[in-house]
Amino acid sequence: MFDFKELEAFVWVVRLGSFRKVAARLHLTQPSISDRINRLEAAVGESLLERTARPVQPTLRGREFFEHAERLLAGREEALRLFQNEEEFSGTLRLGIIETIAHSWFPDFMRRLAERYPQLTIELTVDISPLLHQCLADNDFDMLFAMDGVAPGLCVEQVPLATYEMGMFVAPQHIDTLRCNGPRALPFISFSRQARPYGELVAYLAEQGFDDPKIHCASTLMTIARMSIEGLGIGALPVSTVADSVKNGELVQLDLPTPLPAMYYDAIWRTASYPSFSRSVSQLAQECATRYIHEHADDTALPKVKAWADTGNKN
């Protein structure tokens, strides 16, 4: 079987009509060019060049083969350009993200990504971090924007994206009840049991003296926010994602004894998955996340209501 080096030598001999000129062009010796042509002819089983002619001419079969050889070399160059010019990337990026990002800086990221890679297609999945990591391990995704938790043995690269301050929020009509009876008067609302924020909320409440808190679970951030606005409980939510609801008077942020654990998100991708392109995408995500955090820096200074009382056990 012949290779591209032999095809290249043959094509240039036909074009230039001289082994010597081809050797000079390809920075090789004339015997090296002859060896490549001999190997090519041995592979196809026929003579492709008339060496006694001056300039060297292709045989009848050589002229026919020349057209195919040119197309093969052109196809190789086109394939290599995919890796030389990232802006022309025209494939599909299978991206998994968590909902907190989907409702914060992701729209800005998508706009800028489309400007940088106009031929790129996005296949987007929004889910909780554990399920996203499983999909990455199963090779169903190319990249994640999620909490860490990479499957053991999976070779990945990752860069930090953003940190989200967490808070507890309640509808204004419940403030007097909480001041009188403490947070035990209402159930809490959090993400699904598989999500890390749920486990961190359980641990936090245990530290505050709650042995068996009532916690409603919801699979989406917007459902938690809606349930909280409707007065169905105390929602544990990223502050920046509900800042507008606080400013509009739909929710009140509670002043907690100690802060809830923050949520940290990374861009994560398989090490072998087009590394230069993946790093470029992750850097763009970092820029969008950083901009969002700066623009919403005042959200962490929203007024908080002191209504966290009576956290001791009651029998």
C-alpha atoms as a PDB file:
ATOM      1  CA  MET A   1       0.000   0.000   0.000  1.00  0.00           C
ATOM      2  CA  PHE A   2       1.324   3.444  -0.893  1.00  0.00           C
ATOM      3  CA  ASP A   3       1.437   6.481   1.376  1.00  0.00           C
ATOM      4  CA  PHE A   4       1.079  10.240   0.934  1.00  0.00           C
ATOM      5  CA  LYS A   5       4.833  10.801   0.598  1.00  0.00           C
ATOM      6  CA  GLU A   6       4.925   8.560  -2.461  1.00  0.00           C
ATOM      7  CA  LEU A   7       1.830  10.243  -3.932  1.00  0.00           C
ATOM      8  CA  GLU A   8       3.386  13.659  -3.358  1.00  0.00           C
ATOM      9  CA  ALA A   9       6.587  12.647  -5.150  1.00  0.00           C
ATOM     10  CA  PHE A  10       4.627  11.267  -8.106  1.00  0.00           C
ATOM     11  CA  VAL A  11       2.378  14.334  -8.452  1.00  0.00           C
ATOM     12  CA  TRP A  12       5.327  16.727  -8.423  1.00  0.00           C
ATOM     13  CA  VAL A  13       7.286  14.658 -10.951  1.00  0.00           C
ATOM     14  CA  VAL A  14       4.317  14.866 -13.314  1.00  0.00           C
ATOM     15  CA  ARG A  15       4.001  18.598 -12.707  1.00  0.00           C
ATOM     16  CA  LEU A  16       7.692  19.483 -13.023  1.00  0.00           C
ATOM     17  CA  GLY A  17       8.846  16.708 -15.391  1.00  0.00           C
ATOM     18  CA  SER A  18      12.141  16.228 -13.544  1.00  0.00           C
ATOM     19  CA  PHE A  19      13.295  14.100 -10.598  1.00  0.00           C
ATOM     20  CA  ARG A  20      16.013  16.665  -9.890  1.00  0.00           C
ATOM     21  CA  LYS A  21      13.559  19.588  -9.657  1.00  0.00           C
ATOM     22  CA  VAL A  22      11.218  17.600  -7.416  1.00  0.00           C
ATOM     23  CA  ALA A  23      14.097  16.665  -5.106  1.00  0.00           C
ATOM     24  CA  ALA A  24      14.991  20.344  -4.767  1.00  0.00           C
ATOM     25  CA  ARG A  25      11.376  21.359  -4.113  1.00  0.00           C
ATOM     26  CA  LEU A  26      10.783  18.704  -1.457  1.00  0.00           C
ATOM     27  CA  HIS A  27      14.257  19.158   0.078  1.00  0.00           C
ATOM     28  CA  LEU A  28      15.208  15.544  -0.627  1.00  0.00           C
ATOM     29  CA  THR A  29      17.874  13.756  -2.660  1.00  0.00           C
ATOM     30  CA  GLN A  30      17.153  12.582  -6.193  1.00  0.00           C
ATOM     31  CA  PRO A  31      17.603   8.882  -5.178  1.00  0.00           C
ATOM     32  CA  SER A  32      14.981   9.390  -2.439  1.00  0.00           C
ATOM     33  CA  ILE A  33      12.480  10.603  -5.032  1.00  0.00           C
ATOM     34  CA  SER A  34      13.307   7.620  -7.260  1.00  0.00           C
ATOM     35  CA  ASP A  35      12.788   5.239  -4.324  1.00  0.00           C
ATOM     36  CA  ARG A  36       9.357   6.723  -3.591  1.00  0.00           C
ATOM     37  CA  ILE A  37       8.274   6.415  -7.223  1.00  0.00           C
ATOM     38  CA  ASN A  38       9.562   2.812  -7.355  1.00  0.00           C
ATOM     39  CA  ARG A  39       7.599   1.901  -4.199  1.00  0.00           C
ATOM     40  CA  LEU A  40       4.459   3.515  -5.611  1.00  0.00           C
ATOM     41  CA  GLU A  41       4.749   1.629  -8.904  1.00  0.00           C
ATOM     42  CA  ALA A  42       5.392  -1.612  -7.039  1.00  0.00           C
ATOM     43  CA  ALA A  43       2.247  -1.007  -4.959  1.00  0.00           C
ATOM     44  CA  VAL A  44       0.000  -0.389  -7.976  1.00  0.00           C
ATOM     45  CA  GLY A  45       1.702  -3.028 -10.132  1.00  0.00           C
ATOM     46  CA  GLU A  46       2.302  -0.811 -13.186  1.00  0.00           C
ATOM     47  CA  SER A  47       4.718   1.795 -14.501  1.00  0.00           C
ATOM     48  CA  LEU A  48       3.350   5.289 -13.986  1.00  0.00           C
ATOM     49  CA  LEU A  49       6.157   7.346 -15.556  1.00  0.00           C
ATOM     50  CA  GLU A  50       8.014   7.266 -18.845  1.00  0.00           C
ATOM     51  CA  ARG A  51      11.513   7.952 -17.573  1.00  0.00           C
ATOM     52  CA  THR A  52      13.237   8.067 -20.971  1.00  0.00           C
ATOM     53  CA  ALA A  53      11.185  11.060 -22.078  1.00  0.00           C
ATOM     54  CA  ARG A  54      12.488  14.568 -21.474  1.00  0.00           C
ATOM     55  CA  PRO A  55      10.747  16.015 -19.577  1.00  0.00           C
ATOM     56  CA  VAL A  56       9.537  12.931 -17.717  1.00  0.00           C
ATOM     57  CA  GLN A  57       5.989  12.095 -18.798  1.00  0.00           C
ATOM     58  CA  PRO A  58       3.245   9.985 -17.152  1.00  0.00           C
ATOM     59  CA  THR A  59       2.192   6.778 -18.899  1.00  0.00           C
ATOM     60  CA  LEU A  60      -1.406   6.303 -20.015  1.00  0.00           C
ATOM     61  CA  ARG A  61      -2.303   4.762 -16.652  1.00  0.00           C
ATOM     62  CA  GLY A  62      -0.094   7.362 -14.972  1.00  0.00           C
ATOM     63  CA  ARG A  63      -2.196  10.213 -16.377  1.00  0.00           C
ATOM     64  CA  GLU A  64      -5.348   8.566 -15.082  1.00  0.00           C
ATOM     65  CA  PHE A  65      -3.771   7.898 -11.690  1.00  0.00           C
ATOM     66  CA  PHE A  66      -2.450  11.480 -11.492  1.00  0.00           C
ATOM     67  CA  GLU A  67      -6.000  12.878 -11.258  1.00  0.00           C
ATOM     68  CA  HIS A  68      -6.818  10.585  -8.334  1.00  0.00           C
ATOM     69  CA  ALA A  69      -3.510  11.358  -6.618  1.00  0.00           C
ATOM     70  CA  GLU A  70      -4.150  15.098  -6.822  1.00  0.00           C
ATOM     71  CA  ARG A  71      -7.598  14.651  -5.240  1.00  0.00           C
ATOM     72  CA  LEU A  72      -6.151  12.510  -2.435  1.00  0.00           C
ATOM     73  CA  LEU A  73      -3.509  15.124  -1.628  1.00  0.00           C
ATOM     74  CA  ALA A  74      -6.065  17.931  -1.752  1.00  0.00           C
ATOM     75  CA  GLY A  75      -8.314  15.973   0.611  1.00  0.00           C
ATOM     76  CA  ARG A  76      -5.434  15.528   3.022  1.00  0.00           C
ATOM     77  CA  GLU A  77      -4.701  19.268   3.005  1.00  0.00           C
ATOM     78  CA  GLU A  78      -8.366  20.070   3.606  1.00  0.00           C
ATOM     79  CA  ALA A  79      -8.473  17.655   6.548  1.00  0.00           C
ATOM     80  CA  LEU A  80      -5.314  19.142   8.074  1.00  0.00           C
ATOM     81  CA  ARG A  81      -6.719  22.658   7.795  1.00  0.00           C
ATOM     82  CA  LEU A  82      -9.349  21.669  10.374  1.00  0.00           C
ATOM     83  CA  PHE A  83      -6.567  21.604  12.937  1.00  0.00           C
ATOM     84  CA  GLN A  84      -4.724  24.656  11.658  1.00  0.00           C
ATOM     85  CA  ASN A  85      -7.650  27.086  11.648  1.00  0.00           C
ATOM     86  CA  GLU A  86      -9.950  26.717  14.644  1.00  0.00           C
ATOM     87  CA  GLU A  87     -12.283  29.441  13.389  1.00  0.00           C
ATOM     88  CA  GLU A  88     -13.339  27.114  10.570  1.00  0.00           C
ATOM     89  CA  PHE A  89     -14.346  24.331  12.962  1.00  0.00           C
ATOM     90  CA  SER A  90     -17.644  23.047  11.592  1.00  0.00           C
ATOM     91  CA  GLY A  91     -18.381  20.024  13.735  1.00  0.00           C
ATOM     92  CA  THR A  92     -20.810  19.484  16.612  1.00  0.00           C
ATOM     93  CA  LEU A  93     -19.865  20.249  20.216  1.00  0.00           C
ATOM     94  CA  ARG A  94     -21.771  18.014  22.624  1.00  0.00           C
ATOM     95  CA  LEU A  95     -21.959  20.226  25.703  1.00  0.00           C
ATOM     96  CA  GLY A  96     -23.451  19.432  29.101  1.00  0.00           C
ATOM     97  CA  ILE A  97     -24.125  22.261  31.558  1.00  0.00           C
ATOM     98  CA  ILE A  98     -25.845  22.738  34.901  1.00  0.00           C
ATOM     99  CA  GLU A  99     -28.931  24.902  35.140  1.00  0.00           C
ATOM    100  CA  THR A 100     -27.336  27.615  37.269  1.00  0.00           C
ATOM    101  CA  ILE A 101     -25.022  28.429  34.373  1.00  0.00           C
ATOM    102  CA  ALA A 102     -27.847  28.119  31.839  1.00  0.00           C
ATOM    103  CA  HIS A 103     -29.727  30.905  33.657  1.00  0.00           C
ATOM    104  CA  SER A 104     -26.737  33.196  34.193  1.00  0.00           C
ATOM    105  CA  TRP A 105     -23.875  33.776  31.738  1.00  0.00           C
ATOM    106  CA  PHE A 106     -24.549  31.007  29.207  1.00  0.00           C
ATOM    107  CA  PRO A 107     -26.534  33.159  26.709  1.00  0.00           C
ATOM    108  CA  ASP A 108     -23.603  35.581  26.496  1.00  0.00           C
ATOM    109  CA  PHE A 109     -21.250  32.623  26.015  1.00  0.00           C
ATOM    110  CA  MET A 110     -23.380  31.231  23.169  1.00  0.00           C
ATOM    111  CA  ARG A 111     -23.416  34.576  21.356  1.00  0.00           C
ATOM    112  CA  ARG A 112     -19.651  34.951  21.568  1.00  0.00           C
ATOM    113  CA  LEU A 113     -19.047  31.312  20.662  1.00  0.00           C
ATOM    114  CA  ALA A 114     -21.145  31.733  17.506  1.00  0.00           C
ATOM    115  CA  GLU A 115     -19.081  34.795  16.554  1.00  0.00           C
ATOM    116  CA  ARG A 116     -15.812  32.918  17.016  1.00  0.00           C
ATOM    117  CA  TYR A 117     -16.942  29.642  15.387  1.00  0.00           C
ATOM    118  CA  PRO A 118     -19.771  30.498  12.977  1.00  0.00           C
ATOM    119  CA  GLN A 119     -19.844  26.965  11.512  1.00  0.00           C
ATOM    120  CA  LEU A 120     -20.045  25.245  14.906  1.00  0.00           C
ATOM    121  CA  THR A 121     -23.197  23.385  15.980  1.00  0.00           C
ATOM    122  CA  ILE A 122     -24.059  22.948  19.672  1.00  0.00           C
ATOM    123  CA  GLU A 123     -25.804  19.867  21.038  1.00  0.00           C
ATOM    124  CA  LEU A 124     -26.816  21.072  24.524  1.00  0.00           C
ATOM    125  CA  THR A 125     -27.935  19.102  27.583  1.00  0.00           C
ATOM    126  CA  VAL A 126     -28.887  20.709  30.906  1.00  0.00           C
ATOM    127  CA  ASP A 127     -28.799  18.426  33.943  1.00  0.00           C
ATOM    128  CA  ILE A 128     -27.292  17.964  37.399  1.00  0.00           C
ATOM    129  CA  SER A 129     -23.532  17.514  37.723  1.00  0.00           C
ATOM    130  CA  PRO A 130     -23.447  13.773  38.636  1.00  0.00           C
ATOM    131  CA  LEU A 131     -25.450  12.819  35.549  1.00  0.00           C
ATOM    132  CA  LEU A 132     -23.373  15.099  33.339  1.00  0.00           C
ATOM    133  CA  HIS A 133     -20.174  13.464  34.579  1.00  0.00           C
ATOM    134  CA  GLN A 134     -21.581  10.030  33.844  1.00  0.00           C
ATOM    135  CA  CYS A 135     -22.374  11.097  30.294  1.00  0.00           C
ATOM    136  CA  LEU A 136     -18.818  12.396  29.881  1.00  0.00           C
ATOM    137  CA  ALA A 137     -17.482   9.049  31.114  1.00  0.00           C
ATOM    138  CA  ASP A 138     -19.757   7.269  28.596  1.00  0.00           C
ATOM    139  CA  ASN A 139     -18.396   9.529  25.814  1.00  0.00           C
ATOM    140  CA  ASP A 140     -21.826  11.080  25.246  1.00  0.00           C
ATOM    141  CA  PHE A 141     -20.409  14.596  25.832  1.00  0.00           C
ATOM    142  CA  ASP A 142     -17.313  16.434  24.651  1.00  0.00           C
ATOM    143  CA  MET A 143     -17.292  19.062  27.411  1.00  0.00           C
ATOM    144  CA  LEU A 144     -19.038  19.950  30.675  1.00  0.00           C
ATOM    145  CA  PHE A 145     -19.680  23.127  32.613  1.00  0.00           C
ATOM    146  CA  ALA A 146     -20.364  21.557  35.992  1.00  0.00           C
ATOM    147  CA  MET A 147     -19.177  20.912  39.525  1.00  0.00           C
ATOM    148  CA  ASP A 148     -16.134  18.668  39.787  1.00  0.00           C
ATOM    149  CA  GLY A 149     -16.594  14.947  40.282  1.00  0.00           C
ATOM    150  CA  VAL A 150     -14.788  13.331  37.371  1.00  0.00           C
ATOM    151  CA  ALA A 151     -15.197   9.561  37.054  1.00  0.00           C
ATOM    152  CA  PRO A 152     -12.106   7.662  38.315  1.00  0.00           C
ATOM    153  CA  GLY A 153      -9.644   6.769  35.579  1.00  0.00           C
ATOM    154  CA  LEU A 154     -11.028   9.268  33.065  1.00  0.00           C
ATOM    155  CA  CYS A 155      -8.304  11.464  31.548  1.00  0.00           C
ATOM    156  CA  VAL A 156      -9.603  15.031  31.504  1.00  0.00           C
ATOM    157  CA  GLU A 157      -8.493  18.630  31.600  1.00  0.00           C
ATOM    158  CA  GLN A 158     -10.403  21.240  33.568  1.00  0.00           C
ATOM    159  CA  VAL A 159     -10.278  24.936  34.356  1.00  0.00           C
ATOM    160  CA  PRO A 160     -12.266  26.875  36.976  1.00  0.00           C
ATOM    161  CA  LEU A 161     -15.185  28.921  35.686  1.00  0.00           C
ATOM    162  CA  ALA A 162     -17.155  30.594  38.441  1.00  0.00           C
ATOM    163  CA  THR A 163     -18.080  30.604  42.116  1.00  0.00           C
ATOM    164  CA  TYR A 164     -21.702  31.193  43.089  1.00  0.00           C
ATOM    165  CA  GLU A 165     -22.625  32.382  46.557  1.00  0.00           C
ATOM    166  CA  MET A 166     -25.588  30.451  47.945  1.00  0.00           C
ATOM    167  CA  GLY A 167     -28.373  31.901  50.079  1.00  0.00           C
ATOM    168  CA  MET A 168     -31.759  31.114  51.553  1.00  0.00           C
ATOM    169  CA  PHE A 169     -34.811  32.930  50.244  1.00  0.00           C
ATOM    170  CA  VAL A 170     -38.430  33.118  51.305  1.00  0.00           C
ATOM    171  CA  ALA A 171     -41.599  34.918  50.232  1.00  0.00           C
ATOM    172  CA  PRO A 172     -42.110  38.195  52.195  1.00  0.00           C
ATOM    173  CA  GLN A 173     -45.371  37.021  53.789  1.00  0.00           C
ATOM    174  CA  HIS A 174     -43.466  34.446  55.861  1.00  0.00           C
ATOM    175  CA  ILE A 175     -41.032  36.842  57.558  1.00  0.00           C
ATOM    176  CA  ASP A 176     -43.154  37.425  60.666  1.00  0.00           C
ATOM    177  CA  THR A 177     -43.726  33.676  61.017  1.00  0.00           C
ATOM    178  CA  LEU A 178     -40.009  32.997  60.825  1.00  0.00           C
ATOM    179  CA  ARG A 179     -39.218  35.707  63.370  1.00  0.00           C
ATOM    180  CA  CYS A 180     -41.682  34.194  65.795  1.00  0.00           C
ATOM    181  CA  ASN A 181     -41.144  30.476  65.207  1.00  0.00           C
ATOM    182  CA  GLY A 182     -37.786  30.214  63.483  1.00  0.00           C
ATOM    183  CA  PRO A 183     -36.970  28.424  60.221  1.00  0.00           C
ATOM    184  CA  ARG A 184     -38.579  25.191  61.457  1.00  0.00           C
ATOM    185  CA  ALA A 185     -41.915  26.755  60.656  1.00  0.00           C
ATOM    186  CA  LEU A 186     -41.381  26.135  56.931  1.00  0.00           C
ATOM    187  CA  PRO A 187     -39.932  23.337  54.807  1.00  0.00           C
ATOM    188  CA  PHE A 188     -36.762  23.905  52.835  1.00  0.00           C
ATOM    189  CA  ILE A 189     -36.542  23.590  49.044  1.00  0.00           C
ATOM    190  CA  SER A 190     -33.412  22.338  47.301  1.00  0.00           C
ATOM    191  CA  PHE A 191     -32.105  20.511  44.266  1.00  0.00           C
ATOM    192  CA  SER A 192     -32.542  16.766  43.767  1.00  0.00           C
ATOM    193  CA  ARG A 193     -30.988  14.375  46.255  1.00  0.00           C
ATOM    194  CA  GLN A 194     -28.286  13.423  43.751  1.00  0.00           C
ATOM    195  CA  ALA A 195     -27.048  17.008  43.446  1.00  0.00           C
ATOM    196  CA  ARG A 196     -24.269  18.261  45.683  1.00  0.00           C
ATOM    197  CA  PRO A 197     -26.191  21.355  46.924  1.00  0.00           C
ATOM    198  CA  TYR A 198     -28.774  19.034  48.505  1.00  0.00           C
ATOM    199  CA  GLY A 199     -26.139  17.155  50.512  1.00  0.00           C
ATOM    200  CA  GLU A 200     -24.457  20.405  51.513  1.00  0.00           C
ATOM    201  CA  LEU A 201     -27.801  21.823  52.684  1.00  0.00           C
ATOM    202  CA  VAL A 202     -28.458  18.727  54.814  1.00  0.00           C
ATOM    203  CA  ALA A 203     -24.989  19.033  56.376  1.00  0.00           C
ATOM    204  CA  TYR A 204     -25.460  22.759  56.964  1.00  0.00           C
ATOM    205  CA  LEU A 205     -28.807  22.276  58.687  1.00  0.00           C
ATOM    206  CA  ALA A 206     -27.328  19.529  60.867  1.00  0.00           C
ATOM    207  CA  GLU A 207     -24.670  21.972  62.018  1.00  0.00           C
ATOM    208  CA  GLN A 208     -27.477  24.382  62.914  1.00  0.00           C
ATOM    209  CA  GLY A 209     -29.235  21.777  65.059  1.00  0.00           C
ATOM    210  CA  PHE A 210     -31.756  20.333  62.590  1.00  0.00           C
ATOM    211  CA  ASP A 211     -31.898  16.565  63.108  1.00  0.00           C
ATOM    212  CA  ASP A 212     -34.543  15.745  60.532  1.00  0.00           C
ATOM    213  CA  PRO A 213     -35.386  18.819  58.410  1.00  0.00           C
ATOM    214  CA  LYS A 214     -38.163  18.688  55.889  1.00  0.00           C
ATOM    215  CA  ILE A 215     -36.663  19.340  52.454  1.00  0.00           C
ATOM    216  CA  HIS A 216     -38.639  19.434  49.240  1.00  0.00           C
ATOM    217  CA  CYS A 217     -36.583  18.475  46.176  1.00  0.00           C
ATOM    218  CA  ALA A 218     -36.905  19.898  42.678  1.00  0.00           C
ATOM    219  CA  SER A 219     -34.918  19.014  39.582  1.00  0.00           C
ATOM    220  CA  THR A 220     -34.613  22.565  38.239  1.00  0.00           C
ATOM    221  CA  LEU A 221     -33.417  25.864  39.648  1.00  0.00           C
ATOM    222  CA  MET A 222     -36.387  27.742  38.220  1.00  0.00           C
ATOM    223  CA  THR A 223     -38.808  25.380  39.943  1.00  0.00           C
ATOM    224  CA  ILE A 224     -37.098  26.003  43.290  1.00  0.00           C
ATOM    225  CA  ALA A 225     -37.312  29.747  42.713  1.00  0.00           C
ATOM    226  CA  ARG A 226     -40.966  29.556  41.697  1.00  0.00           C
ATOM    227  CA  MET A 227     -41.893  27.420  44.708  1.00  0.00           C
ATOM    228  CA  SER A 228     -40.109  29.882  46.987  1.00  0.00           C
ATOM    229  CA  ILE A 229     -41.875  32.890  45.433  1.00  0.00           C
ATOM    230  CA  GLU A 230     -45.212  31.129  45.856  1.00  0.00           C
ATOM    231  CA  GLY A 231     -44.527  30.739  49.571  1.00  0.00           C
ATOM    232  CA  LEU A 232     -44.060  26.965  49.607  1.00  0.00           C
ATOM    233  CA  GLY A 233     -40.862  27.026  51.632  1.00  0.00           C
ATOM    234  CA  ILE A 234     -37.349  28.386  52.113  1.00  0.00           C
ATOM    235  CA  GLY A 235     -35.383  28.046  48.892  1.00  0.00           C
ATOM    236  CA  ALA A 236     -31.640  27.401  48.913  1.00  0.00           C
ATOM    237  CA  LEU A 237     -30.498  29.123  45.728  1.00  0.00           C
ATOM    238  CA  PRO A 238     -27.520  30.824  44.053  1.00  0.00           C
ATOM    239  CA  VAL A 239     -27.827  34.491  45.005  1.00  0.00           C
ATOM    240  CA  SER A 240     -27.179  35.973  41.577  1.00  0.00           C
ATOM    241  CA  THR A 241     -29.868  33.871  39.888  1.00  0.00           C
ATOM    242  CA  VAL A 242     -32.693  35.285  42.041  1.00  0.00           C
ATOM    243  CA  ALA A 243     -31.310  38.778  42.657  1.00  0.00           C
ATOM    244  CA  ASP A 244     -33.994  40.319  40.436  1.00  0.00           C
ATOM    245  CA  SER A 245     -36.727  38.563  42.419  1.00  0.00           C
ATOM    246  CA  VAL A 246     -35.296  40.063  45.621  1.00  0.00           C
ATOM    247  CA  LYS A 247     -35.104  43.530  44.074  1.00  0.00           C
ATOM    248  CA  ASN A 248     -38.706  43.169  42.841  1.00  0.00           C
ATOM    249  CA  GLY A 249     -39.959  42.220  46.302  1.00  0.00           C
ATOM    250  CA  GLU A 250     -40.928  38.654  45.346  1.00  0.00           C
ATOM    251  CA  LEU A 251     -38.317  37.116  47.631  1.00  0.00           C
ATOM    252  CA  VAL A 252     -36.417  38.077  50.777  1.00  0.00           C
ATOM    253  CA  GLN A 253     -32.922  36.823  51.521  1.00  0.00           C
ATOM    254  CA  LEU A 254     -32.410  35.512  55.045  1.00  0.00           C
ATOM    255  CA  ASP A 255     -29.468  36.569  57.189  1.00  0.00           C
ATOM    256  CA  LEU A 256     -27.889  33.222  58.124  1.00  0.00           C
ATOM    257  CA  PRO A 257     -25.763  32.386  61.186  1.00  0.00           C
ATOM    258  CA  THR A 258     -22.987  31.186  58.859  1.00  0.00           C
ATOM    259  CA  PRO A 259     -22.838  31.220  55.045  1.00  0.00           C
ATOM    260  CA  LEU A 260     -24.007  28.262  53.013  1.00  0.00           C
ATOM    261  CA  PRO A 261     -21.211  26.496  51.073  1.00  0.00           C
ATOM    262  CA  ALA A 262     -20.622  28.200  47.748  1.00  0.00           C
ATOM    263  CA  MET A 263     -20.947  26.336  44.443  1.00  0.00           C
ATOM    264  CA  TYR A 264     -17.813  26.006  42.332  1.00  0.00           C
ATOM    265  CA  TYR A 265     -18.014  25.192  38.632  1.00  0.00           C
ATOM    266  CA  ASP A 266     -15.387  24.042  36.125  1.00  0.00           C
ATOM    267  CA  ALA A 267     -15.085  23.499  32.406  1.00  0.00           C
ATOM    268  CA  ILE A 268     -14.129  19.843  31.955  1.00  0.00           C
ATOM    269  CA  TRP A 269     -13.250  17.959  28.778  1.00  0.00           C
ATOM    270  CA  ARG A 270     -11.561  14.746  27.705  1.00  0.00           C
ATOM    271  CA  THR A 271      -7.809  15.218  27.284  1.00  0.00           C
ATOM    272  CA  ALA A 272      -7.858  13.664  23.808  1.00  0.00           C
ATOM    273  CA  SER A 273     -10.883  15.642  22.585  1.00  0.00           C
ATOM    274  CA  TYR A 274      -9.391  18.259  20.199  1.00  0.00           C
ATOM    275  CA  PRO A 275      -7.370  19.886  23.026  1.00  0.00           C
ATOM    276  CA  SER A 276      -6.573  23.242  21.381  1.00  0.00           C
ATOM    277  CA  PHE A 277     -10.217  23.828  20.412  1.00  0.00           C
ATOM    278  CA  SER A 278     -11.461  22.689  23.834  1.00  0.00           C
ATOM    279  CA  ARG A 279      -9.048  25.003  25.626  1.00  0.00           C
ATOM    280  CA  SER A 280     -10.196  27.891  23.421  1.00  0.00           C
ATOM    281  CA  VAL A 281     -13.854  27.191  24.269  1.00  0.00           C
ATOM    282  CA  SER A 282     -13.091  26.878  27.986  1.00  0.00           C
ATOM    283  CA  GLN A 283     -11.170  30.185  27.969  1.00  0.00           C
ATOM    284  CA  LEU A 284     -14.142  31.887  26.346  1.00  0.00           C
ATOM    285  CA  ALA A 285     -16.396  30.391  29.039  1.00  0.00           C
ATOM    286  CA  GLN A 286     -14.026  31.726  31.715  1.00  0.00           C
ATOM    287  CA  GLU A 287     -14.239  35.211  30.228  1.00  0.00           C
ATOM    288  CA  CYS A 288     -18.049  35.140  30.172  1.00  0.00           C
ATOM    289  CA  ALA A 289     -18.268  33.773  33.713  1.00  0.00           C
ATOM    290  CA  THR A 290     -15.817  36.387  35.026  1.00  0.00           C
ATOM    291  CA  ARG A 291     -17.737  39.190  33.321  1.00  0.00           C
ATOM    292  CA  TYR A 292     -21.004  37.938  34.791  1.00  0.00           C
ATOM    293  CA  ILE A 293     -19.547  37.796  38.300  1.00  0.00           C
ATOM    294  CA  HIS A 294     -18.198  41.347  38.016  1.00  0.00           C
ATOM    295  CA  GLU A 295     -21.501  42.637  36.687  1.00  0.00           C
ATOM    296  CA  HIS A 296     -23.405  40.986  39.540  1.00  0.00           C
ATOM    297  CA  ALA A 297     -20.959  41.791  42.325  1.00  0.00           C
ATOM    298  CA  ASP A 298     -23.587  43.975  44.009  1.00  0.00           C
ATOM    299  CA  ASP A 299     -25.961  41.017  44.293  1.00  0.00           C
ATOM    300  CA  THR A 300     -23.970  39.674  47.231  1.00  0.00           C
ATOM    301  CA  ALA A 301     -24.698  42.948  49.073  1.00  0.00           C
ATOM    302  CA  LEU A 302     -28.493  42.680  48.834  1.00  0.00           C
ATOM    303  CA  PRO A 303     -30.341  43.482  52.076  1.00  0.00           C
ATOM    304  CA  LYS A 304     -30.910  40.464  54.320  1.00  0.00           C
ATOM    305  CA  VAL A 305     -33.658  39.934  56.868  1.00  0.00           C
ATOM    306  CA  LYS A 306     -32.828  38.629  60.346  1.00  0.00           C
ATOM    307  CA  ALA A 307     -35.364  35.859  60.728  1.00  0.00           C
ATOM    308  CA  TRP A 308     -33.172  32.888  61.585  1.00  0.00           C
ATOM    309  CA  ALA A 309     -34.051  32.234  65.190  1.00  0.00           C
ATOM    310  CA  ASP A 310     -34.805  29.241  67.397  1.00  0.00           C
ATOM    311  CA  THR A 311     -32.525  26.727  65.705  1.00  0.00           C
ATOM    312  CA  GLY A 312     -32.257  24.460  68.708  1.00  0.00           C
ATOM    313  CA  ASN A 313     -33.906  21.051  68.842  1.00  0.00           C
ATOM    314  CA  LYS A 314     -37.549  20.845  69.797  1.00  0.00           C
ATOM    315  CA  ASN A 315     -39.091  17.623  71.032  1.00  0.00           C
END
